[in-house]
Amino acid sequence: MGNPNFDKNGLDGTGTHWFQYLAFGFTLFFFLIIWLYFRDYNFQLFIENIFKVLNCSSFNCNGVY
């Protein structure tokens, strides 16, 4: 799986490493999730339900539901 636009060190023609593009994409995704969390109440409930499932995924549920 190679890309001819990057050299052997992972740099493109402008000198940007491929990992910088990946970090930029994750940063945009992170800010989008935060914006949606505070903007949309249904999305906030969805995220809270995900945290409840993750918290209760072991044997020590302690009445979360």
N, C-alpha and C. Protein backbone atom coordinates (compact mmCIF):
# COMPACT_ATOMS: atom_id res chain seq x y z
N MET A 1 0.84 -1.17 0.00
CA MET A 1 0.00 0.00 0.00
C MET A 1 0.89 1.24 0.00
N GLY A 2 1.20 1.71 -1.15
CA GLY A 2 2.07 2.87 -1.25
C GLY A 2 1.40 4.00 -1.99
N ASN A 3 1.89 5.20 -1.74
CA ASN A 3 1.38 6.37 -2.41
C ASN A 3 2.57 7.06 -3.07
N PRO A 4 2.53 7.27 -4.38
CA PRO A 4 3.68 7.88 -5.05
C PRO A 4 3.86 9.35 -4.72
N ASN A 5 2.91 9.97 -4.02
CA ASN A 5 3.06 11.39 -3.68
C ASN A 5 3.94 11.60 -2.46
N PHE A 6 4.27 10.54 -1.74
CA PHE A 6 5.12 10.65 -0.55
C PHE A 6 6.44 9.95 -0.81
N ASP A 7 7.52 10.51 -0.28
CA ASP A 7 8.82 9.86 -0.45
C ASP A 7 9.02 8.79 0.63
N LYS A 8 10.23 8.24 0.69
CA LYS A 8 10.49 7.14 1.63
C LYS A 8 10.42 7.58 3.09
N ASN A 9 10.55 8.87 3.36
CA ASN A 9 10.46 9.39 4.72
C ASN A 9 9.04 9.81 5.09
N GLY A 10 8.10 9.70 4.16
CA GLY A 10 6.72 10.06 4.43
C GLY A 10 6.39 11.51 4.17
N LEU A 11 7.25 12.22 3.44
CA LEU A 11 7.03 13.64 3.15
C LEU A 11 6.47 13.80 1.74
N ASP A 12 5.58 14.77 1.58
CA ASP A 12 5.07 15.07 0.24
C ASP A 12 5.91 16.19 -0.38
N GLY A 13 5.45 16.75 -1.48
CA GLY A 13 6.21 17.76 -2.19
C GLY A 13 6.42 19.04 -1.41
N THR A 14 5.51 19.37 -0.52
CA THR A 14 5.64 20.61 0.27
C THR A 14 6.40 20.40 1.57
N GLY A 15 6.78 19.15 1.88
CA GLY A 15 7.53 18.87 3.10
C GLY A 15 6.65 18.51 4.27
N THR A 16 5.38 18.22 4.03
CA THR A 16 4.46 17.86 5.10
C THR A 16 4.42 16.35 5.24
N HIS A 17 4.57 15.87 6.46
CA HIS A 17 4.55 14.44 6.72
C HIS A 17 3.11 13.94 6.68
N TRP A 18 2.93 12.68 6.29
CA TRP A 18 1.58 12.13 6.17
C TRP A 18 0.87 12.09 7.53
N PHE A 19 1.64 11.96 8.61
CA PHE A 19 1.05 11.92 9.95
C PHE A 19 0.46 13.27 10.35
N GLN A 20 1.00 14.36 9.80
CA GLN A 20 0.44 15.68 10.07
C GLN A 20 -0.96 15.80 9.47
N TYR A 21 -1.17 15.22 8.29
CA TYR A 21 -2.50 15.21 7.69
C TYR A 21 -3.46 14.38 8.55
N LEU A 22 -3.00 13.26 9.05
CA LEU A 22 -3.83 12.43 9.92
C LEU A 22 -4.18 13.15 11.21
N ALA A 23 -3.21 13.82 11.82
CA ALA A 23 -3.47 14.56 13.06
C ALA A 23 -4.44 15.72 12.81
N PHE A 24 -4.33 16.37 11.67
CA PHE A 24 -5.26 17.45 11.34
C PHE A 24 -6.68 16.91 11.18
N GLY A 25 -6.82 15.77 10.54
CA GLY A 25 -8.13 15.15 10.38
C GLY A 25 -8.74 14.76 11.71
N PHE A 26 -7.95 14.17 12.61
CA PHE A 26 -8.46 13.81 13.93
C PHE A 26 -8.85 15.05 14.74
N THR A 27 -8.09 16.13 14.59
CA THR A 27 -8.42 17.36 15.31
C THR A 27 -9.75 17.93 14.83
N LEU A 28 -9.96 17.94 13.52
CA LEU A 28 -11.24 18.42 13.00
C LEU A 28 -12.40 17.55 13.47
N PHE A 29 -12.20 16.24 13.47
CA PHE A 29 -13.24 15.32 13.93
C PHE A 29 -13.54 15.54 15.41
N PHE A 30 -12.51 15.76 16.22
CA PHE A 30 -12.67 16.00 17.65
C PHE A 30 -13.48 17.27 17.91
N PHE A 31 -13.14 18.36 17.19
CA PHE A 31 -13.88 19.60 17.37
C PHE A 31 -15.32 19.48 16.88
N LEU A 32 -15.54 18.71 15.84
CA LEU A 32 -16.90 18.48 15.36
C LEU A 32 -17.73 17.74 16.40
N ILE A 33 -17.14 16.74 17.04
CA ILE A 33 -17.84 15.99 18.08
C ILE A 33 -18.17 16.90 19.26
N ILE A 34 -17.23 17.74 19.68
CA ILE A 34 -17.49 18.66 20.79
C ILE A 34 -18.58 19.65 20.41
N TRP A 35 -18.53 20.20 19.19
CA TRP A 35 -19.55 21.15 18.76
C TRP A 35 -20.93 20.49 18.74
N LEU A 36 -21.01 19.27 18.22
CA LEU A 36 -22.29 18.57 18.19
C LEU A 36 -22.80 18.25 19.59
N TYR A 37 -21.88 17.94 20.49
CA TYR A 37 -22.28 17.61 21.86
C TYR A 37 -23.01 18.78 22.52
N PHE A 38 -22.51 19.99 22.33
CA PHE A 38 -23.12 21.15 22.95
C PHE A 38 -24.24 21.77 22.11
N ARG A 39 -24.34 21.39 20.86
CA ARG A 39 -25.34 21.99 19.97
C ARG A 39 -26.62 21.17 19.89
N ASP A 40 -26.51 19.85 19.89
CA ASP A 40 -27.66 18.98 19.66
C ASP A 40 -27.91 18.12 20.90
N TYR A 41 -29.11 18.25 21.47
CA TYR A 41 -29.43 17.52 22.70
C TYR A 41 -29.51 16.02 22.45
N ASN A 42 -30.02 15.59 21.29
CA ASN A 42 -30.11 14.15 20.99
C ASN A 42 -28.71 13.53 20.87
N PHE A 43 -27.78 14.28 20.29
CA PHE A 43 -26.41 13.78 20.19
C PHE A 43 -25.78 13.70 21.58
N GLN A 44 -26.11 14.65 22.45
CA GLN A 44 -25.60 14.61 23.82
C GLN A 44 -26.11 13.36 24.54
N LEU A 45 -27.39 13.03 24.37
CA LEU A 45 -27.92 11.80 24.97
C LEU A 45 -27.25 10.56 24.39
N PHE A 46 -26.99 10.59 23.09
CA PHE A 46 -26.31 9.47 22.44
C PHE A 46 -24.91 9.24 23.03
N ILE A 47 -24.16 10.32 23.20
CA ILE A 47 -22.81 10.21 23.78
C ILE A 47 -22.88 9.75 25.24
N GLU A 48 -23.85 10.26 25.99
CA GLU A 48 -23.99 9.83 27.38
C GLU A 48 -24.36 8.36 27.46
N ASN A 49 -25.18 7.87 26.55
CA ASN A 49 -25.51 6.45 26.53
C ASN A 49 -24.29 5.60 26.19
N ILE A 50 -23.45 6.09 25.30
CA ILE A 50 -22.21 5.37 24.98
C ILE A 50 -21.33 5.27 26.23
N PHE A 51 -21.22 6.37 26.99
CA PHE A 51 -20.41 6.34 28.21
C PHE A 51 -21.02 5.41 29.26
N LYS A 52 -22.35 5.35 29.33
CA LYS A 52 -22.98 4.43 30.27
C LYS A 52 -22.69 2.99 29.89
N VAL A 53 -22.74 2.67 28.61
CA VAL A 53 -22.46 1.30 28.17
C VAL A 53 -20.99 0.96 28.43
N LEU A 54 -20.10 1.90 28.16
CA LEU A 54 -18.68 1.64 28.42
C LEU A 54 -18.41 1.50 29.91
N ASN A 55 -19.09 2.27 30.73
CA ASN A 55 -18.90 2.19 32.17
C ASN A 55 -19.48 0.89 32.72
N CYS A 56 -20.56 0.42 32.12
CA CYS A 56 -21.24 -0.76 32.62
C CYS A 56 -20.83 -2.02 31.85
N SER A 57 -19.77 -1.96 31.05
CA SER A 57 -19.40 -3.10 30.23
C SER A 57 -18.68 -4.18 31.04
N SER A 58 -18.27 -3.89 32.27
CA SER A 58 -17.66 -4.93 33.10
C SER A 58 -18.71 -5.45 34.09
N PHE A 59 -18.29 -6.21 35.06
CA PHE A 59 -19.21 -6.82 35.99
C PHE A 59 -19.62 -5.90 37.14
N ASN A 60 -19.05 -4.72 37.24
CA ASN A 60 -19.37 -3.82 38.34
C ASN A 60 -20.28 -2.69 37.86
N CYS A 61 -21.49 -3.01 37.45
CA CYS A 61 -22.42 -2.03 36.90
C CYS A 61 -22.92 -1.08 37.98
N ASN A 62 -23.18 -1.56 39.18
CA ASN A 62 -23.59 -0.74 40.33
C ASN A 62 -24.82 0.10 40.05
N GLY A 63 -25.80 -0.44 39.33
CA GLY A 63 -27.07 0.23 39.13
C GLY A 63 -27.03 1.44 38.23
N VAL A 64 -26.19 1.43 37.21
CA VAL A 64 -26.14 2.55 36.28
C VAL A 64 -27.45 2.67 35.53
N TYR A 65 -28.04 1.54 35.18
CA TYR A 65 -29.30 1.57 34.46
C TYR A 65 -30.42 1.52 35.45
